C-alpha atoms as a PDB file:
ATOM      1  CA  MET A   1      37.723   3.239 131.215  1.00  0.00           C
ATOM      2  CA  ILE A   2      41.453   3.198 133.495  1.00  0.00           C
ATOM      3  CA  SER A   3      41.805   5.554 136.083  1.00  0.00           C
ATOM      4  CA  GLU A   4      44.092   8.701 135.923  1.00  0.00           C
ATOM      5  CA  LYS A   5      46.630   6.886 138.708  1.00  0.00           C
ATOM      6  CA  LEU A   6      46.916   3.745 136.810  1.00  0.00           C
ATOM      7  CA  LEU A   7      47.471   6.175 133.506  1.00  0.00           C
ATOM      8  CA  ASP A   8      50.016   8.134 135.049  1.00  0.00           C
ATOM      9  CA  THR A   9      52.096   5.080 136.088  1.00  0.00           C
ATOM     10  CA  PHE A  10      51.915   3.520 132.178  1.00  0.00           C
ATOM     11  CA  ASN A  11      53.326   6.289 131.310  1.00  0.00           C
ATOM     12  CA  GLN A  12      55.941   6.226 133.921  1.00  0.00           C
ATOM     13  CA  GLN A  13      56.946   2.918 133.117  1.00  0.00           C
ATOM     14  CA  LEU A  14      57.455   4.422 129.202  1.00  0.00           C
ATOM     15  CA  LYS A  15      59.993   6.619 130.483  1.00  0.00           C
ATOM     16  CA  TYR A  16      61.644   4.385 132.192  1.00  0.00           C
ATOM     17  CA  GLU A  17      61.672   2.403 129.295  1.00  0.00           C
ATOM     18  CA  PHE A  18      63.485   4.957 126.942  1.00  0.00           C
ATOM     19  CA  GLU A  19      65.639   4.989 129.819  1.00  0.00           C
ATOM     20  CA  ALA A  20      66.743   1.778 129.990  1.00  0.00           C
ATOM     21  CA  ALA A  21      67.646   2.371 126.481  1.00  0.00           C
ATOM     22  CA  ASN A  22      70.130   5.216 127.122  1.00  0.00           C
ATOM     23  CA  ILE A  23      71.229   3.288 130.302  1.00  0.00           C
ATOM     24  CA  TYR A  24      72.168   0.818 128.250  1.00  0.00           C
ATOM     25  CA  LEU A  25      73.575   2.855 125.305  1.00  0.00           C
ATOM     26  CA  ALA A  26      75.998   4.456 127.995  1.00  0.00           C
ATOM     27  CA  MET A  27      77.268   1.091 128.857  1.00  0.00           C
ATOM     28  CA  ALA A  28      77.677  -0.066 125.212  1.00  0.00           C
ATOM     29  CA  ALA A  29      79.583   3.406 125.338  1.00  0.00           C
ATOM     30  CA  TYR A  30      82.046   2.569 128.227  1.00  0.00           C
ATOM     31  CA  CYS A  31      82.322  -0.966 126.609  1.00  0.00           C
ATOM     32  CA  LYS A  32      83.727   0.379 123.254  1.00  0.00           C
ATOM     33  CA  ALA A  33      85.985   3.258 125.001  1.00  0.00           C
ATOM     34  CA  GLU A  34      87.877  -0.093 126.923  1.00  0.00           C
ATOM     35  CA  ASP A  35      87.921  -1.880 123.062  1.00  0.00           C
ATOM     36  CA  LEU A  36      85.390  -4.154 124.046  1.00  0.00           C
ATOM     37  CA  GLU A  37      83.178  -4.823 120.923  1.00  0.00           C
ATOM     38  CA  GLY A  38      81.289  -7.815 121.536  1.00  0.00           C
ATOM     39  CA  PHE A  39      80.091  -6.225 124.931  1.00  0.00           C
ATOM     40  CA  ALA A  40      79.402  -2.743 123.186  1.00  0.00           C
ATOM     41  CA  ASN A  41      77.336  -4.770 121.163  1.00  0.00           C
ATOM     42  CA  PHE A  42      75.891  -6.588 124.012  1.00  0.00           C
ATOM     43  CA  PHE A  43      74.273  -3.769 125.434  1.00  0.00           C
ATOM     44  CA  ILE A  44      73.477  -1.836 122.054  1.00  0.00           C
ATOM     45  CA  VAL A  45      70.966  -4.815 121.232  1.00  0.00           C
ATOM     46  CA  GLN A  46      69.570  -4.691 124.691  1.00  0.00           C
ATOM     47  CA  ALA A  47      68.892  -1.043 124.272  1.00  0.00           C
ATOM     48  CA  GLU A  48      67.272  -2.307 121.071  1.00  0.00           C
ATOM     49  CA  GLU A  49      65.468  -4.402 123.181  1.00  0.00           C
ATOM     50  CA  GLU A  50      64.622  -1.811 125.765  1.00  0.00           C
ATOM     51  CA  ARG A  51      62.739   0.606 123.013  1.00  0.00           C
ATOM     52  CA  PHE A  52      60.686  -2.041 121.448  1.00  0.00           C
ATOM     53  CA  HIS A  53      59.288  -2.654 124.663  1.00  0.00           C
ATOM     54  CA  ALA A  54      58.676   1.108 125.258  1.00  0.00           C
ATOM     55  CA  MET A  55      57.142   1.282 121.983  1.00  0.00           C
ATOM     56  CA  LYS A  56      54.764  -2.018 123.593  1.00  0.00           C
ATOM     57  CA  PHE A  57      53.642   0.348 126.125  1.00  0.00           C
ATOM     58  CA  PHE A  58      53.362   3.637 123.925  1.00  0.00           C
ATOM     59  CA  ASN A  59      51.012   1.499 121.893  1.00  0.00           C
ATOM     60  CA  PHE A  60      48.993  -0.172 124.379  1.00  0.00           C
ATOM     61  CA  ILE A  61      48.447   3.545 126.566  1.00  0.00           C
ATOM     62  CA  ASP A  62      46.967   4.096 122.493  1.00  0.00           C
ATOM     63  CA  GLU A  63      45.038   0.879 122.015  1.00  0.00           C
ATOM     64  CA  ILE A  64      43.254   1.573 124.992  1.00  0.00           C
ATOM     65  CA  GLY A  65      42.215   4.700 124.320  1.00  0.00           C
ATOM     66  CA  GLU A  66      44.384   6.934 126.643  1.00  0.00           C
ATOM     67  CA  ARG A  67      46.911   9.720 126.164  1.00  0.00           C
ATOM     68  CA  ILE A  68      50.334   8.947 125.835  1.00  0.00           C
ATOM     69  CA  VAL A  69      52.955  11.567 127.700  1.00  0.00           C
ATOM     70  CA  MET A  70      56.059  11.809 126.957  1.00  0.00           C
ATOM     71  CA  SER A  71      58.846  12.803 129.696  1.00  0.00           C
ATOM     72  CA  GLY A  72      62.684  13.843 130.036  1.00  0.00           C
ATOM     73  CA  TYR A  73      64.758  11.834 132.379  1.00  0.00           C
ATOM     74  CA  ASP A  74      68.425  11.890 134.098  1.00  0.00           C
ATOM     75  CA  ASN A  75      71.489  11.375 132.656  1.00  0.00           C
ATOM     76  CA  PRO A  76      72.451   7.884 132.691  1.00  0.00           C
ATOM     77  CA  ASN A  77      76.210   7.170 134.765  1.00  0.00           C
ATOM     78  CA  ASN A  78      78.737   6.648 132.249  1.00  0.00           C
ATOM     79  CA  SER A  79      81.931   5.324 134.714  1.00  0.00           C
ATOM     80  CA  TYR A  80      82.517   1.660 135.465  1.00  0.00           C
ATOM     81  CA  ASP A  81      85.503   0.190 137.147  1.00  0.00           C
ATOM     82  CA  SER A  82      84.980  -3.194 135.161  1.00  0.00           C
ATOM     83  CA  LEU A  83      83.256  -5.362 133.349  1.00  0.00           C
ATOM     84  CA  GLU A  84      81.870  -6.508 136.574  1.00  0.00           C
ATOM     85  CA  ASP A  85      81.133  -3.491 137.741  1.00  0.00           C
ATOM     86  CA  VAL A  86      78.948  -2.816 134.656  1.00  0.00           C
ATOM     87  CA  PHE A  87      76.877  -6.195 134.179  1.00  0.00           C
ATOM     88  CA  THR A  88      76.092  -5.890 138.442  1.00  0.00           C
ATOM     89  CA  ALA A  89      75.094  -1.912 137.661  1.00  0.00           C
ATOM     90  CA  ALA A  90      72.464  -3.696 134.814  1.00  0.00           C
ATOM     91  CA  LEU A  91      71.467  -6.478 137.065  1.00  0.00           C
ATOM     92  CA  LYS A  92      70.272  -3.628 139.442  1.00  0.00           C
ATOM     93  CA  HIS A  93      68.986  -1.872 137.284  1.00  0.00           C
ATOM     94  CA  GLU A  94      66.633  -4.916 135.362  1.00  0.00           C
ATOM     95  CA  GLN A  95      65.415  -5.585 139.292  1.00  0.00           C
ATOM     96  CA  LYS A  96      64.467  -2.215 139.810  1.00  0.00           C
ATOM     97  CA  VAL A  97      62.545  -2.382 136.208  1.00  0.00           C
ATOM     98  CA  THR A  98      60.588  -5.520 137.683  1.00  0.00           C
ATOM     99  CA  ALA A  99      59.707  -3.715 140.932  1.00  0.00           C
ATOM    100  CA  GLN A 100      58.161  -1.218 138.509  1.00  0.00           C
ATOM    101  CA  ILE A 101      56.482  -3.813 136.685  1.00  0.00           C
ATOM    102  CA  ASN A 102      55.021  -5.936 139.556  1.00  0.00           C
ATOM    103  CA  ASN A 103      53.688  -2.281 140.779  1.00  0.00           C
ATOM    104  CA  LEU A 104      52.172  -1.494 138.147  1.00  0.00           C
ATOM    105  CA  MET A 105      50.660  -4.931 138.028  1.00  0.00           C
ATOM    106  CA  SER A 106      49.663  -4.679 141.390  1.00  0.00           C
ATOM    107  CA  LEU A 107      47.706  -1.655 140.441  1.00  0.00           C
ATOM    108  CA  ALA A 108      45.978  -3.200 137.628  1.00  0.00           C
ATOM    109  CA  LEU A 109      44.806  -5.690 140.096  1.00  0.00           C
ATOM    110  CA  GLU A 110      43.661  -3.904 142.262  1.00  0.00           C
ATOM    111  CA  GLU A 111      41.770  -1.409 139.785  1.00  0.00           C
ATOM    112  CA  LYS A 112      40.927  -5.034 137.814  1.00  0.00           C
ATOM    113  CA  HIS A 113      41.675  -3.907 134.677  1.00  0.00           C
ATOM    114  CA  TYR A 114      41.969  -6.982 133.439  1.00  0.00           C
ATOM    115  CA  ALA A 115      43.472  -5.601 129.463  1.00  0.00           C
ATOM    116  CA  SER A 116      46.509  -4.067 131.612  1.00  0.00           C
ATOM    117  CA  VAL A 117      46.957  -7.423 133.626  1.00  0.00           C
ATOM    118  CA  ASN A 118      46.875  -9.154 130.025  1.00  0.00           C
ATOM    119  CA  PHE A 119      49.367  -7.105 128.966  1.00  0.00           C
ATOM    120  CA  LEU A 120      51.751  -6.846 131.539  1.00  0.00           C
ATOM    121  CA  ASN A 121      52.098 -10.785 131.879  1.00  0.00           C
ATOM    122  CA  TRP A 122      54.220 -10.480 129.082  1.00  0.00           C
ATOM    123  CA  PHE A 123      56.308  -8.113 130.580  1.00  0.00           C
ATOM    124  CA  ILE A 124      56.435 -10.154 133.887  1.00  0.00           C
ATOM    125  CA  ASP A 125      58.066 -13.202 132.143  1.00  0.00           C
ATOM    126  CA  GLU A 126      60.358 -10.879 130.290  1.00  0.00           C
ATOM    127  CA  GLN A 127      61.447  -9.687 133.712  1.00  0.00           C
ATOM    128  CA  VAL A 128      62.402 -13.042 135.114  1.00  0.00           C
ATOM    129  CA  GLU A 129      64.754 -13.281 131.460  1.00  0.00           C
ATOM    130  CA  GLU A 130      66.596 -10.718 131.874  1.00  0.00           C
ATOM    131  CA  GLU A 131      67.395 -11.030 135.180  1.00  0.00           C
ATOM    132  CA  ALA A 132      68.491 -14.586 134.714  1.00  0.00           C
ATOM    133  CA  MET A 133      70.544 -13.410 131.690  1.00  0.00           C
ATOM    134  CA  PHE A 134      72.628 -10.660 133.599  1.00  0.00           C
ATOM    135  CA  SER A 135      72.945 -13.251 136.132  1.00  0.00           C
ATOM    136  CA  ALA A 136      74.510 -15.634 133.776  1.00  0.00           C
ATOM    137  CA  LEU A 137      76.729 -12.941 132.173  1.00  0.00           C
ATOM    138  CA  ILE A 138      78.391 -11.691 135.793  1.00  0.00           C
ATOM    139  CA  ALA A 139      78.991 -15.313 136.655  1.00  0.00           C
ATOM    140  CA  LYS A 140      80.999 -15.694 133.584  1.00  0.00           C
ATOM    141  CA  ILE A 141      82.312 -12.595 133.921  1.00  0.00           C
ATOM    142  CA  LYS A 142      83.537 -13.344 137.313  1.00  0.00           C
ATOM    143  CA  ARG A 143      84.638 -16.698 135.966  1.00  0.00           C
ATOM    144  CA  VAL A 144      87.561 -15.256 133.718  1.00  0.00           C
ATOM    145  CA  THR A 145      88.149 -11.792 135.298  1.00  0.00           C
ATOM    146  CA  ASN A 146      91.637 -12.692 135.251  1.00  0.00           C
ATOM    147  CA  SER A 147      92.099 -14.484 131.633  1.00  0.00           C
ATOM    148  CA  PRO A 148      92.503 -12.081 128.824  1.00  0.00           C
ATOM    149  CA  GLU A 149      91.412 -15.387 126.549  1.00  0.00           C
ATOM    150  CA  GLY A 150      88.350 -16.125 128.684  1.00  0.00           C
ATOM    151  CA  ILE A 151      87.419 -12.044 128.256  1.00  0.00           C
ATOM    152  CA  TYR A 152      88.630 -12.351 124.380  1.00  0.00           C
ATOM    153  CA  MET A 153      85.909 -15.664 123.926  1.00  0.00           C
ATOM    154  CA  LEU A 154      83.279 -14.077 125.823  1.00  0.00           C
ATOM    155  CA  ASP A 155      83.296 -10.536 123.940  1.00  0.00           C
ATOM    156  CA  ASN A 156      83.363 -12.875 120.843  1.00  0.00           C
ATOM    157  CA  GLU A 157      79.912 -14.608 121.705  1.00  0.00           C
ATOM    158  CA  LEU A 158      78.553 -11.159 122.881  1.00  0.00           C
ATOM    159  CA  ALA A 159      79.860  -9.690 119.492  1.00  0.00           C
ATOM    160  CA  GLN A 160      76.963 -12.210 117.588  1.00  0.00           C
ATOM    161  CA  ARG A 161      73.852 -11.043 119.935  1.00  0.00           C
ATOM    162  CA  THR A 162      71.157  -9.805 117.864  1.00  0.00           C
ATOM    163  CA  PHE A 163      67.561  -7.928 118.411  1.00  0.00           C
ATOM    164  CA  VAL A 164      65.043 -10.240 116.623  1.00  0.00           C
ATOM    165  CA  PRO A 165      61.662  -8.673 118.017  1.00  0.00           C
ATOM    166  CA  PRO A 166      59.476 -11.249 119.217  1.00  0.00           C
ATOM    167  CA  ALA A 167      56.432 -12.855 117.662  1.00  0.00           C
ATOM    168  CA  GLU A 168      53.451 -10.776 118.813  1.00  0.00           C
END
């Protein structure tokens, strides 16, 4: 049996994961407005990944026999000053998600709900990868900010990104 507090926190995380997808679509829209199709593709793929994460939470809550509660979220930011600005915002968002996942893990450990702990381990690892990926991309963007050729090459690189759901 899961406590109401833990269940509420899981349902909140479900909301946050769908919200993250919306945030990344807004970032993709910014990139499209800047004629940066590869960067837009990167964020569209990121949104797909976040929806996948949300559905993992959705399915987990259902599998443990609890009630899934869907709720809304605020409108995302749609305006950025630069590529570095949009990617820095994405990194900050991922750091917020990491804190949320860590909070959820702490609560699951405190309540000794080991099925939740096992489930959340995947997300702990995923957040390390997410933050590392955004940090690396920010470093690349900083290196090529004043180089149209560099931006073009990075845009082409990011255009190749696709979403492949991880094997369960």
